[in-house]
Amino acid sequence: MRTMVDTRETVAMDHDDQRRLQPAQKTVPIVAASAVASDAATDWIDVCAVEDVPLQGARVLRRPRGGDVALFRSAAGAVFALLDRCPHKGGPLSQGIVFGERVACPLHNWSIGLADGQAAAPDVGCARPFALRVSAGRVWMDATELRAGD
């Protein structure tokens, strides 16, 4: 089965807390098959270019089932993927502040490790990490993981 990712840019608009129109957060819907590569055990899907994820920022991948996936990029250029939901109160991690290889949840400032999704002590919890690899300037993710619900 092939899966396709639609990475076309659209400028969506949304309202902020004061009902002012603002640009909505950048998202990439995962629709259904463009580039898929396989190795022994994994079907990898090309989700975006590395430069599509801002340094010390995030980009959201919409999944047909399950929660959204947040792609993060550290100041050093490393790319990570976590379920876009803080283990504490479900805040959108993609809207948090990236520092080093951690992200601060925008709701209650929990510090979540980008590599493993673990909350820093004394907090306890884990945001689900997703497998990815970077090759030739592109971010590839496990197609089976992306299709699975949570």
Protein backbone atom coordinates (compact mmCIF):
# COMPACT_ATOMS: atom_id res chain seq x y z
CA MET A 1 0.00 0.00 0.00
CA ARG A 2 1.35 3.42 -0.94
CA THR A 3 0.74 6.56 1.07
CA MET A 4 0.85 10.13 -0.19
CA VAL A 5 1.65 13.31 1.67
CA ASP A 6 0.23 16.55 0.37
CA THR A 7 2.77 19.26 1.21
CA ARG A 8 1.20 22.11 -0.76
CA GLU A 9 1.31 25.42 1.07
CA THR A 10 -1.97 27.12 1.87
CA VAL A 11 -2.40 30.15 4.05
CA ALA A 12 -5.15 29.22 6.45
CA MET A 13 -6.60 31.81 8.75
CA ASP A 14 -7.92 31.40 12.28
CA HIS A 15 -9.16 33.65 15.08
CA ASP A 16 -7.13 34.35 18.22
CA ASP A 17 -8.57 34.77 21.74
CA GLN A 18 -9.73 38.30 20.95
CA ARG A 19 -11.44 37.10 17.73
CA ARG A 20 -8.80 38.80 15.53
CA LEU A 21 -7.99 37.03 12.29
CA GLN A 22 -4.48 35.51 12.40
CA PRO A 23 -2.55 33.11 10.16
CA ALA A 24 -3.22 29.57 11.34
CA GLN A 25 -0.37 27.28 12.32
CA LYS A 26 1.47 25.64 9.42
CA THR A 27 0.24 22.09 8.84
CA VAL A 28 0.87 19.29 6.39
CA PRO A 29 -2.05 16.92 5.84
CA ILE A 30 -1.15 13.28 5.35
CA VAL A 31 -3.49 12.26 2.61
CA ALA A 32 -2.53 9.19 0.80
CA ALA A 33 1.09 8.06 -2.12
CA SER A 34 3.96 9.94 -3.41
CA ALA A 35 7.39 8.89 -2.28
CA VAL A 36 7.63 5.72 -0.28
CA ALA A 37 10.87 3.84 0.32
CA SER A 38 11.20 0.49 2.03
CA ASP A 39 13.91 -1.20 3.95
CA ALA A 40 13.81 -4.61 5.60
CA ALA A 41 11.12 -3.80 8.15
CA THR A 42 9.83 -0.26 7.51
CA ASP A 43 8.00 1.64 4.79
CA TRP A 44 9.34 5.20 4.96
CA ILE A 45 7.23 8.07 3.65
CA ASP A 46 8.64 11.43 2.54
CA VAL A 47 6.75 14.00 4.63
CA CYS A 48 8.58 17.28 3.96
CA ALA A 49 11.89 19.01 3.35
CA VAL A 50 14.05 19.61 6.42
CA GLU A 51 13.91 23.37 5.77
CA ASP A 52 10.08 23.21 6.00
CA VAL A 53 10.54 22.76 9.75
CA PRO A 54 11.83 26.04 11.20
CA LEU A 55 14.95 26.03 13.38
CA GLN A 56 13.85 25.99 17.03
CA GLY A 57 10.30 25.53 15.84
CA ALA A 58 7.69 23.01 14.78
CA ARG A 59 5.45 21.93 11.95
CA VAL A 60 2.30 19.84 12.31
CA LEU A 61 1.42 16.72 10.32
CA ARG A 62 -2.30 16.00 10.24
CA ARG A 63 -3.16 12.30 10.32
CA PRO A 64 -6.43 10.80 9.12
CA ARG A 65 -6.66 8.84 12.40
CA GLY A 66 -5.13 9.55 15.77
CA GLY A 67 -3.64 12.79 16.97
CA ASP A 68 -1.49 15.14 14.94
CA VAL A 69 2.28 14.69 14.84
CA ALA A 70 4.57 17.62 15.61
CA LEU A 71 7.90 17.77 13.78
CA PHE A 72 10.52 19.77 15.68
CA ARG A 73 13.90 21.11 14.63
CA SER A 74 16.56 22.07 17.15
CA ALA A 75 18.93 25.02 16.74
CA ALA A 76 21.58 22.47 15.71
CA GLY A 77 19.29 21.25 12.89
CA ALA A 78 18.30 17.86 14.37
CA VAL A 79 14.73 16.80 13.52
CA PHE A 80 12.36 15.00 15.92
CA ALA A 81 8.72 13.86 15.85
CA LEU A 82 6.30 13.60 18.77
CA LEU A 83 2.56 13.23 19.16
CA ASP A 84 1.36 16.84 19.34
CA ARG A 85 -0.12 16.41 22.80
CA CYS A 86 1.51 17.12 26.15
CA PRO A 87 1.19 14.16 28.56
CA HIS A 88 0.08 16.54 31.33
CA LYS A 89 -3.07 18.27 30.08
CA GLY A 90 -2.98 17.63 26.33
CA GLY A 91 -1.53 20.99 25.29
CA PRO A 92 -0.27 21.34 21.69
CA LEU A 93 3.49 20.82 21.93
CA SER A 94 3.94 22.29 18.44
CA GLN A 95 3.04 25.67 19.92
CA GLY A 96 5.69 25.39 22.64
CA ILE A 97 9.18 26.87 22.79
CA VAL A 98 12.00 24.65 21.52
CA PHE A 99 15.24 24.95 23.51
CA GLY A 100 18.17 22.58 23.06
CA GLU A 101 16.57 19.18 22.46
CA ARG A 102 13.48 19.91 24.55
CA VAL A 103 10.16 21.69 24.09
CA ALA A 104 8.26 23.62 26.76
CA CYS A 105 4.53 22.90 26.72
CA PRO A 106 2.63 26.16 26.11
CA LEU A 107 0.01 25.40 28.78
CA HIS A 108 1.97 24.64 31.95
CA ASN A 109 5.63 24.80 30.85
CA TRP A 110 6.37 21.10 31.20
CA SER A 111 9.74 20.33 29.62
CA ILE A 112 9.47 17.43 27.16
CA GLY A 113 12.48 15.68 25.59
CA LEU A 114 12.32 15.77 21.80
CA ALA A 115 14.25 12.51 21.37
CA ASP A 116 12.15 10.36 23.71
CA GLY A 117 9.06 12.39 24.65
CA GLN A 118 9.82 12.06 28.37
CA ALA A 119 8.87 14.86 30.76
CA ALA A 120 11.72 16.27 32.86
CA ALA A 121 11.62 15.52 36.62
CA PRO A 122 9.80 16.15 38.84
CA ASP A 123 7.07 15.83 36.18
CA VAL A 124 6.18 12.34 34.96
CA GLY A 125 4.74 11.43 31.58
CA CYS A 126 5.63 10.80 27.96
CA ALA A 127 4.53 12.23 24.61
CA ARG A 128 4.67 9.43 22.04
CA PRO A 129 7.79 9.70 19.84
CA PHE A 130 7.68 8.72 16.15
CA ALA A 131 10.44 7.14 14.09
CA LEU A 132 11.98 9.33 11.41
CA ARG A 133 15.10 9.64 9.34
CA VAL A 134 16.62 12.48 7.37
CA SER A 135 18.09 11.78 3.94
CA ALA A 136 19.13 14.19 1.17
CA GLY A 137 17.45 17.12 2.93
CA ARG A 138 14.10 15.32 3.28
CA VAL A 139 12.30 14.06 6.39
CA TRP A 140 11.07 10.46 6.14
CA MET A 141 8.68 8.86 8.64
CA ASP A 142 7.42 5.33 9.21
CA ALA A 143 4.23 5.09 7.10
CA THR A 144 2.76 2.35 9.32
CA GLU A 145 3.17 4.49 12.46
CA LEU A 146 1.54 7.48 10.75
CA ARG A 147 -1.48 5.44 9.63
CA ALA A 148 -2.00 3.88 13.07
CA GLY A 149 -4.41 5.47 15.50
CA ASP A 150 -3.34 6.25 19.04
